[in-house]
Structures are given as C-alpha cells and as structure tokens.
Amino acid sequence: SVKGRLTISRDNAKNTVFLQMNSLKPEDTALYSCA
C-alpha cells in the first residue's frame, strides 16, 4: 500500500531511521510507531 510513495532510510552514525512520506492519502492517517 505504500510502495512508491514512502521510503525508509537510515543514518547509522546518528542512530536514526527515517520514513519519507510523499503523495499522502487520507488512508495514510494513523499513529506511526517505529520498532
């Protein structure tokens, strides 16, 4: 459902993971949690 619109990436030096979300739809509304 998110292929082509959302991209996950990481910055290991900063110990951080990102989720870039583009072309957002109302169906994307949610509480987003990382694990």
ModelCIF file with pLDDT and N, C-alpha, C, O atoms, coordinates in Angstrom:
data_MODEL
#
_entry.id   MODEL 
#
_entity.id                         1 
_entity.type                       polymer 
_entity.pdbx_number_of_molecules   1 
#
_entity_poly.entity_id                      1 
_entity_poly.type                           'polypeptide(L)' 
_entity_poly.nstd_linkage                   no 
_entity_poly.nstd_monomer                   no 
_entity_poly.pdbx_seq_one_letter_code       SVKGRLTISRDNAKNTVFLQMNSLKPEDTALYSCA 
_entity_poly.pdbx_seq_one_letter_code_can   SVKGRLTISRDNAKNTVFLQMNSLKPEDTALYSCA 
_entity_poly.pdbx_strand_id                 A 
#
loop_
_entity_poly_seq.entity_id 
_entity_poly_seq.num 
_entity_poly_seq.mon_id 
_entity_poly_seq.hetero 
1 1  SER n 
1 2  VAL n 
1 3  LYS n 
1 4  GLY n 
1 5  ARG n 
1 6  LEU n 
1 7  THR n 
1 8  ILE n 
1 9  SER n 
1 10 ARG n 
1 11 ASP n 
1 12 ASN n 
1 13 ALA n 
1 14 LYS n 
1 15 ASN n 
1 16 THR n 
1 17 VAL n 
1 18 PHE n 
1 19 LEU n 
1 20 GLN n 
1 21 MET n 
1 22 ASN n 
1 23 SER n 
1 24 LEU n 
1 25 LYS n 
1 26 PRO n 
1 27 GLU n 
1 28 ASP n 
1 29 THR n 
1 30 ALA n 
1 31 LEU n 
1 32 TYR n 
1 33 SER n 
1 34 CYS n 
1 35 ALA n 
#
_struct_asym.id          A 
_struct_asym.entity_id   1 
#
loop_
_ma_qa_metric.id 
_ma_qa_metric.mode 
_ma_qa_metric.name 
_ma_qa_metric.software_group_id 
_ma_qa_metric.type 
1 global pLDDT . pLDDT 
2 local  pLDDT . pLDDT 
#
_ma_qa_metric_global.metric_id      1 
_ma_qa_metric_global.metric_value   95.60 
_ma_qa_metric_global.model_id       1 
_ma_qa_metric_global.ordinal_id     1 
#
loop_
_ma_qa_metric_local.label_asym_id 
_ma_qa_metric_local.label_comp_id 
_ma_qa_metric_local.label_seq_id 
_ma_qa_metric_local.metric_id 
_ma_qa_metric_local.metric_value 
_ma_qa_metric_local.model_id 
_ma_qa_metric_local.ordinal_id 
A SER 1  2 93.00 1 1  
A VAL 2  2 94.00 1 2  
A LYS 3  2 94.00 1 3  
A GLY 4  2 96.00 1 4  
A ARG 5  2 97.00 1 5  
A LEU 6  2 97.00 1 6  
A THR 7  2 98.00 1 7  
A ILE 8  2 98.00 1 8  
A SER 9  2 96.00 1 9  
A ARG 10 2 94.00 1 10 
A ASP 11 2 92.00 1 11 
A ASN 12 2 86.00 1 12 
A ALA 13 2 88.00 1 13 
A LYS 14 2 92.00 1 14 
A ASN 15 2 91.00 1 15 
A THR 16 2 94.00 1 16 
A VAL 17 2 96.00 1 17 
A PHE 18 2 98.00 1 18 
A LEU 19 2 98.00 1 19 
A GLN 20 2 98.00 1 20 
A MET 21 2 98.00 1 21 
A ASN 22 2 98.00 1 22 
A SER 23 2 97.00 1 23 
A LEU 24 2 97.00 1 24 
A LYS 25 2 96.00 1 25 
A PRO 26 2 96.00 1 26 
A GLU 27 2 94.00 1 27 
A ASP 28 2 96.00 1 28 
A THR 29 2 97.00 1 29 
A ALA 30 2 98.00 1 30 
A LEU 31 2 98.00 1 31 
A TYR 32 2 98.00 1 32 
A SER 33 2 98.00 1 33 
A CYS 34 2 98.00 1 34 
A ALA 35 2 97.00 1 35 
#
loop_
_atom_site.group_PDB 
_atom_site.id 
_atom_site.type_symbol 
_atom_site.label_atom_id 
_atom_site.label_alt_id 
_atom_site.label_comp_id 
_atom_site.label_asym_id 
_atom_site.label_entity_id 
_atom_site.label_seq_id 
_atom_site.pdbx_PDB_ins_code 
_atom_site.Cartn_x 
_atom_site.Cartn_y 
_atom_site.Cartn_z 
_atom_site.occupancy 
_atom_site.B_iso_or_equiv 
_atom_site.pdbx_formal_charge 
_atom_site.auth_seq_id 
_atom_site.auth_comp_id 
_atom_site.auth_asym_id 
_atom_site.auth_atom_id 
_atom_site.pdbx_PDB_model_num 
ATOM 1   N N  . SER A 1 1  ? 0.793  -1.220 0.000  1.00 93.00 ? 1  SER A N  1 
ATOM 2   C CA . SER A 1 1  ? 0.000  0.000  0.000  1.00 93.00 ? 1  SER A CA 1 
ATOM 3   C C  . SER A 1 1  ? 0.831  1.278  0.000  1.00 93.00 ? 1  SER A C  1 
ATOM 4   O O  . SER A 1 1  ? 0.305  2.355  -0.281 1.00 93.00 ? 1  SER A O  1 
ATOM 5   N N  . VAL A 1 2  ? 2.116  1.173  0.310  1.00 94.00 ? 2  VAL A N  1 
ATOM 6   C CA . VAL A 1 2  ? 2.953  2.366  0.398  1.00 94.00 ? 2  VAL A CA 1 
ATOM 7   C C  . VAL A 1 2  ? 4.097  2.365  -0.597 1.00 94.00 ? 2  VAL A C  1 
ATOM 8   O O  . VAL A 1 2  ? 4.844  3.341  -0.665 1.00 94.00 ? 2  VAL A O  1 
ATOM 9   N N  . LYS A 1 3  ? 4.256  1.311  -1.363 1.00 94.00 ? 3  LYS A N  1 
ATOM 10  C CA . LYS A 1 3  ? 5.349  1.243  -2.328 1.00 94.00 ? 3  LYS A CA 1 
ATOM 11  C C  . LYS A 1 3  ? 5.255  2.385  -3.330 1.00 94.00 ? 3  LYS A C  1 
ATOM 12  O O  . LYS A 1 3  ? 4.188  2.678  -3.870 1.00 94.00 ? 3  LYS A O  1 
ATOM 13  N N  . GLY A 1 4  ? 6.394  3.021  -3.562 1.00 96.00 ? 4  GLY A N  1 
ATOM 14  C CA . GLY A 1 4  ? 6.447  4.127  -4.490 1.00 96.00 ? 4  GLY A CA 1 
ATOM 15  C C  . GLY A 1 4  ? 6.122  5.465  -3.873 1.00 96.00 ? 4  GLY A C  1 
ATOM 16  O O  . GLY A 1 4  ? 6.369  6.498  -4.494 1.00 96.00 ? 4  GLY A O  1 
ATOM 17  N N  . ARG A 1 5  ? 5.572  5.482  -2.663 1.00 97.00 ? 5  ARG A N  1 
ATOM 18  C CA . ARG A 1 5  ? 5.202  6.729  -2.008 1.00 97.00 ? 5  ARG A CA 1 
ATOM 19  C C  . ARG A 1 5  ? 6.008  6.969  -0.734 1.00 97.00 ? 5  ARG A C  1 
ATOM 20  O O  . ARG A 1 5  ? 6.347  8.109  -0.416 1.00 97.00 ? 5  ARG A O  1 
ATOM 21  N N  . LEU A 1 6  ? 6.309  5.920  -0.022 1.00 97.00 ? 6  LEU A N  1 
ATOM 22  C CA . LEU A 1 6  ? 7.052  6.021  1.227  1.00 97.00 ? 6  LEU A CA 1 
ATOM 23  C C  . LEU A 1 6  ? 8.419  5.379  1.073  1.00 97.00 ? 6  LEU A C  1 
ATOM 24  O O  . LEU A 1 6  ? 8.563  4.352  0.410  1.00 97.00 ? 6  LEU A O  1 
ATOM 25  N N  . THR A 1 7  ? 9.416  5.989  1.686  1.00 98.00 ? 7  THR A N  1 
ATOM 26  C CA . THR A 1 7  ? 10.782 5.499  1.600  1.00 98.00 ? 7  THR A CA 1 
ATOM 27  C C  . THR A 1 7  ? 11.402 5.461  2.987  1.00 98.00 ? 7  THR A C  1 
ATOM 28  O O  . THR A 1 7  ? 11.384 6.458  3.708  1.00 98.00 ? 7  THR A O  1 
ATOM 29  N N  . ILE A 1 8  ? 11.942 4.323  3.356  1.00 98.00 ? 8  ILE A N  1 
ATOM 30  C CA . ILE A 1 8  ? 12.628 4.189  4.626  1.00 98.00 ? 8  ILE A CA 1 
ATOM 31  C C  . ILE A 1 8  ? 14.127 4.287  4.389  1.00 98.00 ? 8  ILE A C  1 
ATOM 32  O O  . ILE A 1 8  ? 14.643 3.760  3.403  1.00 98.00 ? 8  ILE A O  1 
ATOM 33  N N  . SER A 1 9  ? 14.811 4.952  5.280  1.00 96.00 ? 9  SER A N  1 
ATOM 34  C CA . SER A 1 9  ? 16.246 5.104  5.170  1.00 96.00 ? 9  SER A CA 1 
ATOM 35  C C  . SER A 1 9  ? 16.848 5.173  6.564  1.00 96.00 ? 9  SER A C  1 
ATOM 36  O O  . SER A 1 9  ? 16.132 5.253  7.562  1.00 96.00 ? 9  SER A O  1 
ATOM 37  N N  . ARG A 1 10 ? 18.159 5.140  6.617  1.00 94.00 ? 10 ARG A N  1 
ATOM 38  C CA . ARG A 1 10 ? 18.812 5.167  7.917  1.00 94.00 ? 10 ARG A CA 1 
ATOM 39  C C  . ARG A 1 10 ? 20.061 6.024  7.890  1.00 94.00 ? 10 ARG A C  1 
ATOM 40  O O  . ARG A 1 10 ? 20.700 6.181  6.850  1.00 94.00 ? 10 ARG A O  1 
ATOM 41  N N  . ASP A 1 11 ? 20.396 6.569  9.030  1.00 92.00 ? 11 ASP A N  1 
ATOM 42  C CA . ASP A 1 11 ? 21.649 7.264  9.252  1.00 92.00 ? 11 ASP A CA 1 
ATOM 43  C C  . ASP A 1 11 ? 22.280 6.575  10.454 1.00 92.00 ? 11 ASP A C  1 
ATOM 44  O O  . ASP A 1 11 ? 22.002 6.923  11.602 1.00 92.00 ? 11 ASP A O  1 
ATOM 45  N N  . ASN A 1 12 ? 23.118 5.612  10.179 1.00 86.00 ? 12 ASN A N  1 
ATOM 46  C CA . ASN A 1 12 ? 23.686 4.809  11.253 1.00 86.00 ? 12 ASN A CA 1 
ATOM 47  C C  . ASN A 1 12 ? 24.534 5.632  12.222 1.00 86.00 ? 12 ASN A C  1 
ATOM 48  O O  . ASN A 1 12 ? 24.563 5.354  13.421 1.00 86.00 ? 12 ASN A O  1 
ATOM 49  N N  . ALA A 1 13 ? 25.216 6.636  11.703 1.00 88.00 ? 13 ALA A N  1 
ATOM 50  C CA . ALA A 1 13 ? 26.040 7.477  12.556 1.00 88.00 ? 13 ALA A CA 1 
ATOM 51  C C  . ALA A 1 13 ? 25.204 8.220  13.586 1.00 88.00 ? 13 ALA A C  1 
ATOM 52  O O  . ALA A 1 13 ? 25.669 8.477  14.697 1.00 88.00 ? 13 ALA A O  1 
ATOM 53  N N  . LYS A 1 14 ? 23.977 8.565  13.225 1.00 92.00 ? 14 LYS A N  1 
ATOM 54  C CA . LYS A 1 14 ? 23.079 9.277  14.125 1.00 92.00 ? 14 LYS A CA 1 
ATOM 55  C C  . LYS A 1 14 ? 22.109 8.355  14.836 1.00 92.00 ? 14 LYS A C  1 
ATOM 56  O O  . LYS A 1 14 ? 21.279 8.806  15.625 1.00 92.00 ? 14 LYS A O  1 
ATOM 57  N N  . ASN A 1 15 ? 22.215 7.053  14.556 1.00 91.00 ? 15 ASN A N  1 
ATOM 58  C CA . ASN A 1 15 ? 21.341 6.076  15.196 1.00 91.00 ? 15 ASN A CA 1 
ATOM 59  C C  . ASN A 1 15 ? 19.869 6.412  14.948 1.00 91.00 ? 15 ASN A C  1 
ATOM 60  O O  . ASN A 1 15 ? 19.034 6.327  15.849 1.00 91.00 ? 15 ASN A O  1 
ATOM 61  N N  . THR A 1 16 ? 19.578 6.790  13.724 1.00 94.00 ? 16 THR A N  1 
ATOM 62  C CA . THR A 1 16 ? 18.250 7.271  13.375 1.00 94.00 ? 16 THR A CA 1 
ATOM 63  C C  . THR A 1 16 ? 17.757 6.617  12.088 1.00 94.00 ? 16 THR A C  1 
ATOM 64  O O  . THR A 1 16 ? 18.524 6.395  11.151 1.00 94.00 ? 16 THR A O  1 
ATOM 65  N N  . VAL A 1 17 ? 16.474 6.317  12.065 1.00 96.00 ? 17 VAL A N  1 
ATOM 66  C CA . VAL A 1 17 ? 15.801 5.800  10.880 1.00 96.00 ? 17 VAL A CA 1 
ATOM 67  C C  . VAL A 1 17 ? 14.718 6.787  10.476 1.00 96.00 ? 17 VAL A C  1 
ATOM 68  O O  . VAL A 1 17 ? 14.030 7.349  11.329 1.00 96.00 ? 17 VAL A O  1 
ATOM 69  N N  . PHE A 1 18 ? 14.570 6.994  9.181  1.00 98.00 ? 18 PHE A N  1 
ATOM 70  C CA . PHE A 1 18 ? 13.612 7.955  8.664  1.00 98.00 ? 18 PHE A CA 1 
ATOM 71  C C  . PHE A 1 18 ? 12.545 7.259  7.828  1.00 98.00 ? 18 PHE A C  1 
ATOM 72  O O  . PHE A 1 18 ? 12.766 6.183  7.273  1.00 98.00 ? 18 PHE A O  1 
ATOM 73  N N  . LEU A 1 19 ? 11.400 7.892  7.755  1.00 98.00 ? 19 LEU A N  1 
ATOM 74  C CA . LEU A 1 19 ? 10.348 7.465  6.856  1.00 98.00 ? 19 LEU A CA 1 
ATOM 75  C C  . LEU A 1 19 ? 9.872  8.688  6.089  1.00 98.00 ? 19 LEU A C  1 
ATOM 76  O O  . LEU A 1 19 ? 9.142  9.525  6.619  1.00 98.00 ? 19 LEU A O  1 
ATOM 77  N N  . GLN A 1 20 ? 10.293 8.777  4.837  1.00 98.00 ? 20 GLN A N  1 
ATOM 78  C CA . GLN A 1 20 ? 9.867  9.869  3.978  1.00 98.00 ? 20 GLN A CA 1 
ATOM 79  C C  . GLN A 1 20 ? 8.547  9.486  3.328  1.00 98.00 ? 20 GLN A C  1 
ATOM 80  O O  . GLN A 1 20 ? 8.459  8.468  2.641  1.00 98.00 ? 20 GLN A O  1 
ATOM 81  N N  . MET A 1 21 ? 7.528  10.298 3.543  1.00 98.00 ? 21 MET A N  1 
ATOM 82  C CA . MET A 1 21 ? 6.193  10.005 3.046  1.00 98.00 ? 21 MET A CA 1 
ATOM 83  C C  . MET A 1 21 ? 5.794  11.060 2.033  1.00 98.00 ? 21 MET A C  1 
ATOM 84  O O  . MET A 1 21 ? 5.723  12.247 2.352  1.00 98.00 ? 21 MET A O  1 
ATOM 85  N N  . ASN A 1 22 ? 5.535  10.625 0.817  1.00 98.00 ? 22 ASN A N  1 
ATOM 86  C CA . ASN A 1 22 ? 5.118  11.505 -0.262 1.00 98.00 ? 22 ASN A CA 1 
ATOM 87  C C  . ASN A 1 22 ? 3.763  11.068 -0.793 1.00 98.00 ? 22 ASN A C  1 
ATOM 88  O O  . ASN A 1 22 ? 3.317  9.944  -0.562 1.00 98.00 ? 22 ASN A O  1 
ATOM 89  N N  . SER A 1 23 ? 3.119  11.981 -1.508 1.00 97.00 ? 23 SER A N  1 
ATOM 90  C CA . SER A 1 23 ? 1.814  11.698 -2.112 1.00 97.00 ? 23 SER A CA 1 
ATOM 91  C C  . SER A 1 23 ? 0.860  11.096 -1.100 1.00 97.00 ? 23 SER A C  1 
ATOM 92  O O  . SER A 1 23 ? 0.218  10.080 -1.365 1.00 97.00 ? 23 SER A O  1 
ATOM 93  N N  . LEU A 1 24 ? 0.772  11.717 0.041  1.00 97.00 ? 24 LEU A N  1 
ATOM 94  C CA . LEU A 1 24 ? -0.014 11.171 1.137  1.00 97.00 ? 24 LEU A CA 1 
ATOM 95  C C  . LEU A 1 24 ? -1.505 11.170 0.834  1.00 97.00 ? 24 LEU A C  1 
ATOM 96  O O  . LEU A 1 24 ? -2.027 12.072 0.179  1.00 97.00 ? 24 LEU A O  1 
ATOM 97  N N  . LYS A 1 25 ? -2.167 10.150 1.318  1.00 96.00 ? 25 LYS A N  1 
ATOM 98  C CA . LYS A 1 25 ? -3.595 9.964  1.143  1.00 96.00 ? 25 LYS A CA 1 
ATOM 99  C C  . LYS A 1 25 ? -4.279 9.970  2.503  1.00 96.00 ? 25 LYS A C  1 
ATOM 100 O O  . LYS A 1 25 ? -3.638 9.693  3.517  1.00 96.00 ? 25 LYS A O  1 
ATOM 101 N N  . PRO A 1 26 ? -5.573 10.281 2.540  1.00 96.00 ? 26 PRO A N  1 
ATOM 102 C CA . PRO A 1 26 ? -6.290 10.203 3.816  1.00 96.00 ? 26 PRO A CA 1 
ATOM 103 C C  . PRO A 1 26 ? -6.173 8.831  4.475  1.00 96.00 ? 26 PRO A C  1 
ATOM 104 O O  . PRO A 1 26 ? -6.191 8.730  5.702  1.00 96.00 ? 26 PRO A O  1 
ATOM 105 N N  . GLU A 1 27 ? -6.055 7.786  3.678  1.00 94.00 ? 27 GLU A N  1 
ATOM 106 C CA . GLU A 1 27 ? -5.912 6.442  4.216  1.00 94.00 ? 27 GLU A CA 1 
ATOM 107 C C  . GLU A 1 27 ? -4.599 6.237  4.966  1.00 94.00 ? 27 GLU A C  1 
ATOM 108 O O  . GLU A 1 27 ? -4.452 5.260  5.701  1.00 94.00 ? 27 GLU A O  1 
ATOM 109 N N  . ASP A 1 28 ? -3.643 7.151  4.788  1.00 96.00 ? 28 ASP A N  1 
ATOM 110 C CA . ASP A 1 28 ? -2.373 7.063  5.496  1.00 96.00 ? 28 ASP A CA 1 
ATOM 111 C C  . ASP A 1 28 ? -2.459 7.600  6.914  1.00 96.00 ? 28 ASP A C  1 
ATOM 112 O O  . ASP A 1 28 ? -1.519 7.436  7.692  1.00 96.00 ? 28 ASP A O  1 
ATOM 113 N N  . THR A 1 29 ? -3.558 8.231  7.259  1.00 97.00 ? 29 THR A N  1 
ATOM 114 C CA . THR A 1 29 ? -3.739 8.761  8.603  1.00 97.00 ? 29 THR A CA 1 
ATOM 115 C C  . THR A 1 29 ? -3.637 7.642  9.629  1.00 97.00 ? 29 THR A C  1 
ATOM 116 O O  . THR A 1 29 ? -4.341 6.636  9.539  1.00 97.00 ? 29 THR A O  1 
ATOM 117 N N  . ALA A 1 30 ? -2.756 7.828  10.599 1.00 98.00 ? 30 ALA A N  1 
ATOM 118 C CA . ALA A 1 30 ? -2.550 6.804  11.614 1.00 98.00 ? 30 ALA A CA 1 
ATOM 119 C C  . ALA A 1 30 ? -1.522 7.283  12.626 1.00 98.00 ? 30 ALA A C  1 
ATOM 120 O O  . ALA A 1 30 ? -0.848 8.293  12.425 1.00 98.00 ? 30 ALA A O  1 
ATOM 121 N N  . LEU A 1 31 ? -1.417 6.542  13.708 1.00 98.00 ? 31 LEU A N  1 
ATOM 122 C CA . LEU A 1 31 ? -0.318 6.697  14.639 1.00 98.00 ? 31 LEU A CA 1 
ATOM 123 C C  . LEU A 1 31 ? 0.828  5.841  14.128 1.00 98.00 ? 31 LEU A C  1 
ATOM 124 O O  . LEU A 1 31 ? 0.702  4.621  14.022 1.00 98.00 ? 31 LEU A O  1 
ATOM 125 N N  . TYR A 1 32 ? 1.934  6.477  13.815 1.00 98.00 ? 32 TYR A N  1 
ATOM 126 C CA . TYR A 1 32 ? 3.087  5.768  13.274 1.00 98.00 ? 32 TYR A CA 1 
ATOM 127 C C  . TYR A 1 32 ? 4.093  5.500  14.381 1.00 98.00 ? 32 TYR A C  1 
ATOM 128 O O  . TYR A 1 32 ? 4.496  6.412  15.102 1.00 98.00 ? 32 TYR A O  1 
ATOM 129 N N  . SER A 1 33 ? 4.493  4.247  14.509 1.00 98.00 ? 33 SER A N  1 
ATOM 130 C CA . SER A 1 33 ? 5.440  3.843  15.525 1.00 98.00 ? 33 SER A CA 1 
ATOM 131 C C  . SER A 1 33 ? 6.611  3.122  14.878 1.00 98.00 ? 33 SER A C  1 
ATOM 132 O O  . SER A 1 33 ? 6.441  2.386  13.906 1.00 98.00 ? 33 SER A O  1 
ATOM 133 N N  . CYS A 1 34 ? 7.790  3.339  15.423 1.00 98.00 ? 34 CYS A N  1 
ATOM 134 C CA . CYS A 1 34 ? 8.938  2.573  14.973 1.00 98.00 ? 34 CYS A CA 1 
ATOM 135 C C  . CYS A 1 34 ? 9.258  1.512  16.007 1.00 98.00 ? 34 CYS A C  1 
ATOM 136 O O  . CYS A 1 34 ? 8.942  1.655  17.188 1.00 98.00 ? 34 CYS A O  1 
ATOM 137 N N  . ALA A 1 35 ? 9.883  0.459  15.549 1.00 97.00 ? 35 ALA A N  1 
ATOM 138 C CA . ALA A 1 35 ? 10.188 -0.669 16.409 1.00 97.00 ? 35 ALA A CA 1 
ATOM 139 C C  . ALA A 1 35 ? 11.539 -1.251 16.031 1.00 97.00 ? 35 ALA A C  1 
ATOM 140 O O  . ALA A 1 35 ? 11.986 -2.221 16.643 1.00 97.00 ? 35 ALA A O  1 
#
